[in-house]
Structures are given as C-alpha cells and as structure tokens.
Amino acid sequence: MRILIATALALMAAGCTWVHMAPGAQAVRVVEGPPAGCEKRGEVVVSVRDSVAFYQRNDLKVRDELETLARNEAPGLGADTVSPLAPPDNGEQRYAAWRCGPNAAAPTARPATAQGQAQTYPAGG
C-alpha cells in the first residue's frame, strides 16, 4: 500500500508547476536561431528535473520549463531575446541572450512551469 501511495505522489509531483514567469520575462522573445542585427549579451544555462523517481517527465513540459527559465534570466543580462543553442539534454539547455530592441519578432507564447536552475554568462566572459 505504501508503494502505491509513493508512486501516486511521484506521478502527481511530476505534473506540478513550480517555476513561474518572472516580472519582465514576458517581454523576452524566443527565436529559433541567431537574430539579425542584435547584440549578443551572453549565454544562459538552465536546468530542470527531467525525471521524478522512475517516472520520465513529458518532453514538451520540460522544454517549456527550460524556455521559461531562460526568459526569466534574460533581463538580468540586459537582453530582450533568447535563442536555444542546442536541444535539451538530460533536463539542461543552453541559450544565447540578445538585445534586439523594439523591432524584434513577437514573443513566443508558452506557459510557465517547473522548478529549475539557471546560470548566466556575460558576452565575452
């Protein structure tokens, strides 16, 4: 019975939302490649749990959470745009942060989700 309860709790926790969009992060745009005419402000490495116990989390949810964390970090670098540098790997992903100004592409609308970590690296360092 305890194993059944522990399994149910692990599965419920895997679907929970722990990370939310930070103030100012909604204005950060997400683009697929390096944007033209923008100044690179640095790189951001973000990570979330891609599995809980033996349960592998939904890949789309993990990607959304990583993107949200990257958007949360961008304003700290003076960036208004982020672009993934590689696909997610074991719950971790690296993004480039750019300052493009008001003429950049519209932001990607994605939901905010799960708890994770982020590291920022300024351009040239």
C-alpha atoms as a PDB file:
ATOM      1  CA  MET A   1       0.000   0.000   0.000  1.00  0.00           C
ATOM      2  CA  ARG A   2       2.846   2.410   0.827  1.00  0.00           C
ATOM      3  CA  ILE A   3       4.454   1.769  -2.536  1.00  0.00           C
ATOM      4  CA  LEU A   4       1.187   2.601  -4.293  1.00  0.00           C
ATOM      5  CA  ILE A   5       0.854   5.873  -2.350  1.00  0.00           C
ATOM      6  CA  ALA A   6       4.507   6.801  -3.022  1.00  0.00           C
ATOM      7  CA  THR A   7       4.042   6.086  -6.732  1.00  0.00           C
ATOM      8  CA  ALA A   8       0.881   8.203  -6.885  1.00  0.00           C
ATOM      9  CA  LEU A   9       2.625  11.105  -5.145  1.00  0.00           C
ATOM     10  CA  ALA A  10       5.613  10.904  -7.505  1.00  0.00           C
ATOM     11  CA  LEU A  11       3.343  10.946 -10.560  1.00  0.00           C
ATOM     12  CA  MET A  12       1.345  13.903  -9.219  1.00  0.00           C
ATOM     13  CA  ALA A  13       4.532  15.834  -8.437  1.00  0.00           C
ATOM     14  CA  ALA A  14       5.774  15.246 -11.985  1.00  0.00           C
ATOM     15  CA  GLY A  15       2.796  17.179 -13.344  1.00  0.00           C
ATOM     16  CA  CYS A  16       3.079  20.117 -10.952  1.00  0.00           C
ATOM     17  CA  THR A  17       4.162  23.608 -11.889  1.00  0.00           C
ATOM     18  CA  TRP A  18       6.974  25.041  -9.782  1.00  0.00           C
ATOM     19  CA  VAL A  19       8.580  27.769 -11.914  1.00  0.00           C
ATOM     20  CA  HIS A  20       6.619  30.811 -12.918  1.00  0.00           C
ATOM     21  CA  MET A  21       7.396  33.655 -15.286  1.00  0.00           C
ATOM     22  CA  ALA A  22       9.399  36.355 -13.506  1.00  0.00           C
ATOM     23  CA  PRO A  23       8.498  40.058 -13.795  1.00  0.00           C
ATOM     24  CA  GLY A  24       9.838  41.387 -17.095  1.00  0.00           C
ATOM     25  CA  ALA A  25      10.303  37.926 -18.604  1.00  0.00           C
ATOM     26  CA  GLN A  26       7.037  38.046 -20.563  1.00  0.00           C
ATOM     27  CA  ALA A  27       8.568  40.729 -22.785  1.00  0.00           C
ATOM     28  CA  VAL A  28      11.506  38.440 -23.674  1.00  0.00           C
ATOM     29  CA  ARG A  29      11.182  36.961 -27.153  1.00  0.00           C
ATOM     30  CA  VAL A  30      12.197  33.410 -28.094  1.00  0.00           C
ATOM     31  CA  VAL A  31      13.616  32.834 -31.573  1.00  0.00           C
ATOM     32  CA  GLU A  32      14.994  29.682 -33.164  1.00  0.00           C
ATOM     33  CA  GLY A  33      18.312  30.994 -34.472  1.00  0.00           C
ATOM     34  CA  PRO A  34      20.631  33.967 -34.005  1.00  0.00           C
ATOM     35  CA  PRO A  35      18.560  37.090 -34.718  1.00  0.00           C
ATOM     36  CA  ALA A  36      19.907  39.516 -37.321  1.00  0.00           C
ATOM     37  CA  GLY A  37      21.032  42.948 -36.178  1.00  0.00           C
ATOM     38  CA  CYS A  38      21.054  42.103 -32.463  1.00  0.00           C
ATOM     39  CA  GLU A  39      23.804  42.473 -29.869  1.00  0.00           C
ATOM     40  CA  LYS A  40      24.790  39.261 -28.061  1.00  0.00           C
ATOM     41  CA  ARG A  41      24.594  39.850 -24.299  1.00  0.00           C
ATOM     42  CA  GLY A  42      25.760  36.431 -23.090  1.00  0.00           C
ATOM     43  CA  GLU A  43      24.603  32.872 -22.543  1.00  0.00           C
ATOM     44  CA  VAL A  44      22.243  31.254 -20.079  1.00  0.00           C
ATOM     45  CA  VAL A  45      22.371  27.635 -18.933  1.00  0.00           C
ATOM     46  CA  VAL A  46      19.130  26.412 -17.388  1.00  0.00           C
ATOM     47  CA  SER A  47      18.121  23.061 -15.943  1.00  0.00           C
ATOM     48  CA  VAL A  48      15.074  21.277 -14.540  1.00  0.00           C
ATOM     49  CA  ARG A  49      14.354  17.745 -13.422  1.00  0.00           C
ATOM     50  CA  ASP A  50      13.539  15.629 -16.460  1.00  0.00           C
ATOM     51  CA  SER A  51      12.536  12.676 -14.290  1.00  0.00           C
ATOM     52  CA  VAL A  52      10.972  12.163 -10.878  1.00  0.00           C
ATOM     53  CA  ALA A  53      11.941   8.875  -9.233  1.00  0.00           C
ATOM     54  CA  PHE A  54      11.495   6.326 -12.043  1.00  0.00           C
ATOM     55  CA  TYR A  55       8.986   8.488 -13.966  1.00  0.00           C
ATOM     56  CA  GLN A  56      10.287  10.274 -17.104  1.00  0.00           C
ATOM     57  CA  ARG A  57       8.629  13.696 -17.394  1.00  0.00           C
ATOM     58  CA  ASN A  58       6.865  14.879 -20.552  1.00  0.00           C
ATOM     59  CA  ASP A  59       9.462  16.216 -23.014  1.00  0.00           C
ATOM     60  CA  LEU A  60       7.295  19.166 -24.090  1.00  0.00           C
ATOM     61  CA  LYS A  61       6.737  20.232 -20.471  1.00  0.00           C
ATOM     62  CA  VAL A  62      10.494  20.046 -19.775  1.00  0.00           C
ATOM     63  CA  ARG A  63      11.218  22.179 -22.878  1.00  0.00           C
ATOM     64  CA  ASP A  64       8.627  24.764 -21.833  1.00  0.00           C
ATOM     65  CA  GLU A  65      10.128  24.963 -18.355  1.00  0.00           C
ATOM     66  CA  LEU A  66      13.647  25.405 -19.722  1.00  0.00           C
ATOM     67  CA  GLU A  67      12.434  28.176 -22.023  1.00  0.00           C
ATOM     68  CA  THR A  68      10.663  29.920 -19.138  1.00  0.00           C
ATOM     69  CA  LEU A  69      13.832  29.810 -17.035  1.00  0.00           C
ATOM     70  CA  ALA A  70      15.879  31.248 -19.927  1.00  0.00           C
ATOM     71  CA  ARG A  71      13.341  34.059 -20.368  1.00  0.00           C
ATOM     72  CA  ASN A  72      13.499  34.733 -16.608  1.00  0.00           C
ATOM     73  CA  GLU A  73      17.299  35.173 -16.784  1.00  0.00           C
ATOM     74  CA  ALA A  74      17.424  37.393 -19.901  1.00  0.00           C
ATOM     75  CA  PRO A  75      16.510  40.747 -18.273  1.00  0.00           C
ATOM     76  CA  GLY A  76      19.440  40.323 -15.865  1.00  0.00           C
ATOM     77  CA  LEU A  77      21.767  40.367 -18.873  1.00  0.00           C
ATOM     78  CA  GLY A  78      20.014  43.332 -20.467  1.00  0.00           C
ATOM     79  CA  ALA A  79      18.604  41.011 -23.135  1.00  0.00           C
ATOM     80  CA  ASP A  80      15.153  41.053 -24.714  1.00  0.00           C
ATOM     81  CA  THR A  81      15.518  37.917 -26.875  1.00  0.00           C
ATOM     82  CA  VAL A  82      16.809  34.382 -26.298  1.00  0.00           C
ATOM     83  CA  SER A  83      17.615  31.585 -28.735  1.00  0.00           C
ATOM     84  CA  PRO A  84      18.423  27.954 -27.921  1.00  0.00           C
ATOM     85  CA  LEU A  85      21.978  26.932 -28.802  1.00  0.00           C
ATOM     86  CA  ALA A  86      21.274  23.184 -28.667  1.00  0.00           C
ATOM     87  CA  PRO A  87      18.390  20.871 -27.850  1.00  0.00           C
ATOM     88  CA  PRO A  88      17.748  19.965 -24.201  1.00  0.00           C
ATOM     89  CA  ASP A  89      19.970  17.228 -22.788  1.00  0.00           C
ATOM     90  CA  ASN A  90      19.050  15.474 -19.524  1.00  0.00           C
ATOM     91  CA  GLY A  91      16.993  18.450 -18.345  1.00  0.00           C
ATOM     92  CA  GLU A  92      19.614  21.078 -19.224  1.00  0.00           C
ATOM     93  CA  GLN A  93      19.760  23.572 -22.109  1.00  0.00           C
ATOM     94  CA  ARG A  94      21.968  26.493 -23.154  1.00  0.00           C
ATOM     95  CA  TYR A  95      20.515  29.699 -24.631  1.00  0.00           C
ATOM     96  CA  ALA A  96      22.108  32.784 -26.187  1.00  0.00           C
ATOM     97  CA  ALA A  97      20.782  36.092 -24.866  1.00  0.00           C
ATOM     98  CA  TRP A  98      20.403  39.027 -27.276  1.00  0.00           C
ATOM     99  CA  ARG A  99      19.447  42.700 -27.155  1.00  0.00           C
ATOM    100  CA  CYS A 100      17.416  43.390 -30.283  1.00  0.00           C
ATOM    101  CA  GLY A 101      15.289  46.389 -29.385  1.00  0.00           C
ATOM    102  CA  PRO A 102      11.628  47.057 -30.152  1.00  0.00           C
ATOM    103  CA  ASN A 103      11.686  45.776 -33.763  1.00  0.00           C
ATOM    104  CA  ALA A 104      12.347  42.134 -32.845  1.00  0.00           C
ATOM    105  CA  ALA A 105       9.929  39.303 -33.604  1.00  0.00           C
ATOM    106  CA  ALA A 106       6.856  38.789 -31.431  1.00  0.00           C
ATOM    107  CA  PRO A 107       7.404  36.680 -28.303  1.00  0.00           C
ATOM    108  CA  THR A 108       6.598  33.002 -28.318  1.00  0.00           C
ATOM    109  CA  ALA A 109       3.544  32.358 -26.143  1.00  0.00           C
ATOM    110  CA  ARG A 110       4.295  29.384 -23.915  1.00  0.00           C
ATOM    111  CA  PRO A 111       3.082  28.512 -20.404  1.00  0.00           C
ATOM    112  CA  ALA A 112       5.304  28.952 -17.331  1.00  0.00           C
ATOM    113  CA  THR A 113       6.207  25.753 -15.486  1.00  0.00           C
ATOM    114  CA  ALA A 114       8.595  23.728 -13.093  1.00  0.00           C
ATOM    115  CA  GLN A 115      11.366  24.440 -10.629  1.00  0.00           C
ATOM    116  CA  GLY A 116      14.865  24.577 -12.038  1.00  0.00           C
ATOM    117  CA  GLN A 117      18.224  26.270 -12.028  1.00  0.00           C
ATOM    118  CA  ALA A 118      19.931  28.829 -14.228  1.00  0.00           C
ATOM    119  CA  GLN A 119      23.419  30.218 -14.718  1.00  0.00           C
ATOM    120  CA  THR A 120      24.181  33.316 -16.766  1.00  0.00           C
ATOM    121  CA  TYR A 121      27.383  34.112 -18.619  1.00  0.00           C
ATOM    122  CA  PRO A 122      28.008  37.646 -19.920  1.00  0.00           C
ATOM    123  CA  ALA A 123      29.141  38.029 -23.526  1.00  0.00           C
ATOM    124  CA  GLY A 124      32.898  37.726 -23.862  1.00  0.00           C
ATOM    125  CA  GLY A 125      33.277  36.064 -20.445  1.00  0.00           C
END
